[in-house]
Amino acid sequence: MDARHGAVTVARSPRAAQAKRRRARLVLLRVSVLVVSGLLLWQALALALWFLPLRVRRVELAGLERLDRHKVLALAGVRMGTRIFRVPLNQVARRLAAHPAVQEAQVSRHLPHTIRISIKERPAAFVLQCGGQARFVDRKGRLFPTGDCSTAAVARLFVVPCWPWSPRTARGSLDCLRALERAGLKARTVSVASSGAVSARLHEGVLLRFGLPQDLEEKALRARLSLAGLPSGGVEYLDLSALSAVVWKPLPARAQAR
């Protein structure tokens, strides 16, 4: 006892300290045994699943809009009857994602017998048609092939006949379509000349000549306003190459008579 401070100090017995250490070691040992047992059980379960004769009986596809189902399955290369744990999921996903029309691909196992493939296709704005060839064009003006896509899916998109075949042509066509859409005009065809000049024929039959693909939105808006103010007898074309002087030509008398 410390009389000066009024505190009492009680010495702990060596046996109590040893008993506490033994209890701590026992708890630690039990936790270690549980952890090791869980890991061994997990490994045993994984090995058992690996060697079980679980085989692929179904391949599910999700996200397809334009791509042909049979061609996607052929590209994936997952064979029925293959052991499901032997299917290289990452390799299949990389193979699918390498396709120009695919933006992202995910492949997963679903026990006991299913491989699921989820596809996110690259969005297409329209189809660029040149002679006997056709390619999709996305919103950024990039080309990718239509060869692995279904005919019905291609037919649902707007087809733009144009020449020559190049990314510049695709970009000019896309910018023209966007400008016409924002101006409330519907194009039947869009063409880009070798010089880069863009023109579009509306569903009403009027040809719009925009010249070089500059200020297309302003030109499309001017075209709509000009068409609204022109005589109702019919217009053959509007030349909007120079915004300061819009030139238009009426339909010939014979065409109006029809």
Protein backbone atom coordinates (compact mmCIF):
# COMPACT_ATOMS: atom_id res chain seq x y z
CA MET A 1 0.00 0.00 0.00
CA ASP A 2 1.23 3.52 -0.89
CA ALA A 3 0.24 5.73 2.08
CA ARG A 4 1.22 8.98 0.43
CA HIS A 5 -1.24 8.68 -2.46
CA GLY A 6 -3.82 6.39 -0.89
CA ALA A 7 -3.43 3.79 -3.71
CA VAL A 8 -3.43 0.07 -3.23
CA THR A 9 -1.29 -2.13 -5.52
CA VAL A 10 -2.16 -5.81 -5.76
CA ALA A 11 0.46 -8.09 -7.32
CA ARG A 12 -0.92 -10.54 -9.93
CA SER A 13 -0.07 -14.12 -9.21
CA PRO A 14 2.10 -15.98 -11.76
CA ARG A 15 -0.54 -18.71 -12.08
CA ALA A 16 -3.23 -16.22 -13.18
CA ALA A 17 -0.94 -14.75 -15.83
CA GLN A 18 -0.07 -18.20 -17.17
CA ALA A 19 -3.76 -19.19 -17.30
CA LYS A 20 -4.56 -16.06 -19.32
CA ARG A 21 -1.79 -16.79 -21.78
CA ARG A 22 -3.00 -20.38 -22.15
CA ARG A 23 -6.54 -19.20 -22.91
CA ALA A 24 -5.25 -16.75 -25.54
CA ARG A 25 -3.18 -19.48 -27.20
CA LEU A 26 -6.17 -21.82 -27.17
CA VAL A 27 -8.42 -19.25 -28.85
CA LEU A 28 -5.76 -18.53 -31.47
CA LEU A 29 -5.32 -22.26 -32.09
CA ARG A 30 -9.05 -22.79 -32.54
CA VAL A 31 -9.31 -19.86 -34.98
CA SER A 32 -6.33 -21.20 -36.95
CA VAL A 33 -7.88 -24.66 -37.13
CA LEU A 34 -11.16 -23.21 -38.38
CA VAL A 35 -9.44 -21.11 -41.05
CA VAL A 36 -7.29 -23.99 -42.29
CA SER A 37 -10.27 -26.34 -42.28
CA GLY A 38 -12.32 -23.85 -44.30
CA LEU A 39 -9.54 -23.46 -46.85
CA LEU A 40 -9.09 -27.21 -47.17
CA LEU A 41 -12.83 -27.69 -47.55
CA TRP A 42 -12.98 -25.02 -50.23
CA GLN A 43 -10.08 -26.58 -52.13
CA ALA A 44 -11.65 -30.00 -51.86
CA LEU A 45 -14.95 -28.66 -53.17
CA ALA A 46 -13.21 -26.88 -56.06
CA LEU A 47 -11.31 -30.05 -56.99
CA ALA A 48 -14.48 -32.11 -56.79
CA LEU A 49 -16.30 -29.69 -59.08
CA TRP A 50 -13.36 -29.64 -61.48
CA PHE A 51 -13.32 -33.40 -61.86
CA LEU A 52 -17.08 -33.85 -61.94
CA PRO A 53 -18.29 -34.73 -65.45
CA LEU A 54 -20.27 -31.49 -65.85
CA ARG A 55 -20.54 -30.77 -69.57
CA VAL A 56 -21.84 -27.88 -71.64
CA ARG A 57 -25.37 -28.55 -72.80
CA ARG A 58 -26.55 -25.01 -73.51
CA VAL A 59 -25.03 -21.70 -74.64
CA GLU A 60 -27.13 -18.61 -73.93
CA LEU A 61 -26.68 -15.39 -75.92
CA ALA A 62 -27.82 -11.97 -74.72
CA GLY A 63 -27.59 -8.51 -76.25
CA LEU A 64 -27.73 -9.44 -79.94
CA GLU A 65 -29.39 -6.84 -82.14
CA ARG A 66 -27.80 -7.08 -85.57
CA LEU A 67 -25.23 -9.86 -85.32
CA ASP A 68 -26.30 -13.26 -86.56
CA ARG A 69 -26.70 -15.78 -83.72
CA HIS A 70 -25.13 -18.71 -85.57
CA LYS A 71 -22.07 -16.68 -86.59
CA VAL A 72 -21.54 -15.48 -83.02
CA LEU A 73 -21.70 -19.06 -81.72
CA ALA A 74 -19.22 -20.16 -84.36
CA LEU A 75 -16.86 -17.33 -83.38
CA ALA A 76 -17.16 -18.21 -79.68
CA GLY A 77 -16.13 -21.80 -80.42
CA VAL A 78 -17.85 -23.32 -77.37
CA ARG A 79 -18.61 -26.96 -78.24
CA MET A 80 -21.47 -28.87 -76.75
CA GLY A 81 -20.30 -31.72 -74.56
CA THR A 82 -17.11 -29.96 -73.49
CA ARG A 83 -16.39 -30.10 -69.77
CA ILE A 84 -17.76 -26.85 -68.47
CA PHE A 85 -14.66 -26.06 -66.39
CA ARG A 86 -12.44 -26.58 -69.41
CA VAL A 87 -14.08 -23.72 -71.35
CA PRO A 88 -11.55 -20.81 -71.41
CA LEU A 89 -13.90 -17.95 -70.55
CA ASN A 90 -11.34 -15.16 -70.97
CA GLN A 91 -10.19 -16.45 -74.36
CA VAL A 92 -13.77 -16.71 -75.63
CA ALA A 93 -14.53 -13.16 -74.42
CA ARG A 94 -11.39 -11.77 -76.08
CA ARG A 95 -12.20 -13.57 -79.33
CA LEU A 96 -15.70 -12.08 -79.39
CA ALA A 97 -14.57 -8.60 -78.39
CA ALA A 98 -12.09 -8.58 -81.28
CA HIS A 99 -14.99 -8.58 -83.76
CA PRO A 100 -15.37 -5.06 -85.25
CA ALA A 101 -19.12 -5.00 -84.60
CA VAL A 102 -18.72 -5.93 -80.90
CA GLN A 103 -18.02 -3.24 -78.32
CA GLU A 104 -17.85 -5.52 -75.26
CA ALA A 105 -18.25 -9.23 -74.51
CA GLN A 106 -18.65 -11.12 -71.23
CA VAL A 107 -18.64 -14.91 -70.81
CA SER A 108 -19.61 -16.76 -67.63
CA ARG A 109 -20.37 -20.28 -66.33
CA HIS A 110 -23.72 -21.16 -64.81
CA LEU A 111 -23.67 -24.62 -63.28
CA PRO A 112 -24.44 -27.28 -63.99
CA HIS A 113 -24.52 -27.08 -67.81
CA THR A 114 -24.78 -23.50 -69.15
CA ILE A 115 -22.32 -21.01 -70.68
CA ARG A 116 -23.75 -17.50 -70.90
CA ILE A 117 -22.43 -14.96 -73.43
CA SER A 118 -23.42 -11.31 -73.11
CA ILE A 119 -22.69 -9.08 -76.11
CA LYS A 120 -22.78 -5.30 -76.34
CA GLU A 121 -22.79 -4.35 -80.00
CA ARG A 122 -21.18 -1.27 -81.44
CA PRO A 123 -24.09 1.11 -82.20
CA ALA A 124 -24.69 1.79 -85.91
CA ALA A 125 -26.06 5.05 -87.29
CA PHE A 126 -26.63 3.88 -90.87
CA VAL A 127 -25.41 1.57 -93.61
CA LEU A 128 -22.97 2.88 -96.17
CA GLN A 129 -23.63 1.24 -99.55
CA CYS A 130 -21.02 1.29 -102.30
CA GLY A 131 -21.64 -0.96 -105.27
CA GLY A 132 -22.05 -4.49 -103.97
CA GLN A 133 -20.46 -3.74 -100.58
CA ALA A 134 -22.03 -2.41 -97.42
CA ARG A 135 -20.67 -1.37 -94.06
CA PHE A 136 -22.11 -0.02 -90.85
CA VAL A 137 -21.14 3.46 -89.74
CA ASP A 138 -21.28 4.34 -86.05
CA ARG A 139 -22.00 7.73 -84.52
CA LYS A 140 -18.31 8.65 -84.67
CA GLY A 141 -18.08 7.93 -88.39
CA ARG A 142 -16.13 4.66 -88.01
CA LEU A 143 -16.76 1.85 -90.48
CA PHE A 144 -17.27 -1.80 -89.56
CA PRO A 145 -18.46 -4.72 -91.68
CA THR A 146 -22.01 -6.04 -92.01
CA GLY A 147 -20.94 -9.52 -93.08
CA ASP A 148 -21.80 -11.24 -89.76
CA CYS A 149 -25.09 -9.39 -89.30
CA SER A 150 -28.54 -10.60 -90.21
CA THR A 151 -30.11 -9.28 -93.41
CA ALA A 152 -33.24 -8.14 -91.58
CA ALA A 153 -31.17 -6.08 -89.10
CA VAL A 154 -29.31 -4.37 -91.94
CA ALA A 155 -32.57 -3.62 -93.73
CA ARG A 156 -33.95 -1.78 -90.68
CA LEU A 157 -31.23 0.88 -90.91
CA PHE A 158 -31.02 3.81 -93.28
CA VAL A 159 -28.95 2.92 -96.36
CA VAL A 160 -26.73 5.66 -97.80
CA PRO A 161 -25.47 5.09 -101.36
CA CYS A 162 -22.21 6.98 -101.79
CA TRP A 163 -18.85 7.10 -103.54
CA PRO A 164 -15.93 6.89 -102.98
CA TRP A 165 -15.56 4.38 -100.17
CA SER A 166 -13.61 5.98 -97.31
CA PRO A 167 -13.91 7.11 -93.69
CA ARG A 168 -14.16 10.67 -95.02
CA THR A 169 -17.24 9.67 -96.99
CA ALA A 170 -18.76 8.02 -93.94
CA ARG A 171 -18.09 11.05 -91.76
CA GLY A 172 -19.57 13.47 -94.28
CA SER A 173 -22.68 11.31 -94.66
CA LEU A 174 -23.13 11.05 -90.91
CA ASP A 175 -22.76 14.80 -90.34
CA CYS A 176 -25.27 15.48 -93.11
CA LEU A 177 -27.81 13.04 -91.66
CA ARG A 178 -27.47 14.59 -88.21
CA ALA A 179 -27.96 18.11 -89.56
CA LEU A 180 -31.05 17.11 -91.55
CA GLU A 181 -32.52 15.28 -88.56
CA ARG A 182 -32.13 18.32 -86.32
CA ALA A 183 -33.70 20.53 -88.96
CA GLY A 184 -36.72 18.22 -89.22
CA LEU A 185 -35.92 17.01 -92.76
CA LYS A 186 -35.86 13.36 -93.84
CA ALA A 187 -33.32 12.23 -96.42
CA ARG A 188 -33.86 9.43 -98.87
CA THR A 189 -30.22 9.28 -100.00
CA VAL A 190 -27.01 11.04 -99.10
CA SER A 191 -23.97 11.19 -101.36
CA VAL A 192 -20.44 12.50 -100.97
CA ALA A 193 -18.46 13.35 -104.10
CA SER A 194 -14.76 12.66 -104.49
CA SER A 195 -14.18 16.38 -103.85
CA GLY A 196 -15.91 16.03 -100.46
CA ALA A 197 -19.06 17.93 -101.47
CA VAL A 198 -22.18 16.59 -99.74
CA SER A 199 -25.69 16.39 -101.19
CA ALA A 200 -28.92 14.81 -100.00
CA ARG A 201 -32.20 13.95 -101.71
CA LEU A 202 -35.25 14.34 -99.50
CA HIS A 203 -38.23 12.02 -99.48
CA GLU A 204 -40.15 14.72 -101.37
CA GLY A 205 -37.63 14.40 -104.21
CA VAL A 206 -35.85 17.72 -103.69
CA LEU A 207 -32.06 17.61 -104.04
CA LEU A 208 -30.09 19.63 -101.48
CA ARG A 209 -26.55 20.59 -102.49
CA PHE A 210 -24.54 21.52 -99.42
CA GLY A 211 -21.10 21.81 -100.94
CA LEU A 212 -18.27 21.06 -98.53
CA PRO A 213 -19.40 19.59 -95.17
CA GLN A 214 -19.11 22.88 -93.27
CA ASP A 215 -21.91 24.64 -91.34
CA LEU A 216 -24.21 21.74 -92.23
CA GLU A 217 -26.68 22.43 -89.43
CA GLU A 218 -27.09 26.04 -90.52
CA LYS A 219 -27.43 24.95 -94.16
CA ALA A 220 -30.06 22.33 -93.28
CA LEU A 221 -32.06 24.89 -91.31
CA ARG A 222 -31.81 27.35 -94.21
CA ALA A 223 -33.03 24.59 -96.55
CA ARG A 224 -36.12 24.00 -94.41
CA LEU A 225 -36.94 27.71 -94.27
CA SER A 226 -36.31 28.14 -98.00
CA LEU A 227 -38.54 25.19 -98.91
CA ALA A 228 -41.33 26.62 -96.78
CA GLY A 229 -41.13 29.97 -98.59
CA LEU A 230 -40.79 28.71 -102.17
CA PRO A 231 -43.71 28.27 -104.59
CA SER A 232 -45.71 25.08 -104.24
CA GLY A 233 -45.16 24.18 -107.91
CA GLY A 234 -42.14 22.06 -107.04
CA VAL A 235 -38.39 22.48 -106.63
CA GLU A 236 -35.78 20.43 -108.41
CA TYR A 237 -32.84 21.39 -106.22
CA LEU A 238 -31.54 23.87 -103.68
CA ASP A 239 -27.88 24.90 -103.78
CA LEU A 240 -26.75 25.90 -100.31
CA SER A 241 -23.01 25.90 -100.99
CA ALA A 242 -22.95 29.61 -100.17
CA LEU A 243 -25.25 30.58 -97.32
CA SER A 244 -25.26 34.19 -98.45
CA ALA A 245 -26.95 33.28 -101.74
CA VAL A 246 -29.20 30.21 -101.84
CA VAL A 247 -29.89 29.13 -105.41
CA TRP A 248 -32.91 27.06 -106.34
CA LYS A 249 -34.29 25.60 -109.56
CA PRO A 250 -37.96 24.85 -110.13
CA LEU A 251 -39.10 21.56 -111.54
CA PRO A 252 -39.52 21.47 -115.32
CA ALA A 253 -43.08 21.95 -116.52
CA ARG A 254 -43.33 18.32 -117.64
CA ALA A 255 -42.26 17.08 -114.18
CA GLN A 256 -44.80 19.35 -112.51
CA ALA A 257 -47.54 18.07 -114.83
CA ARG A 258 -46.93 14.52 -113.60
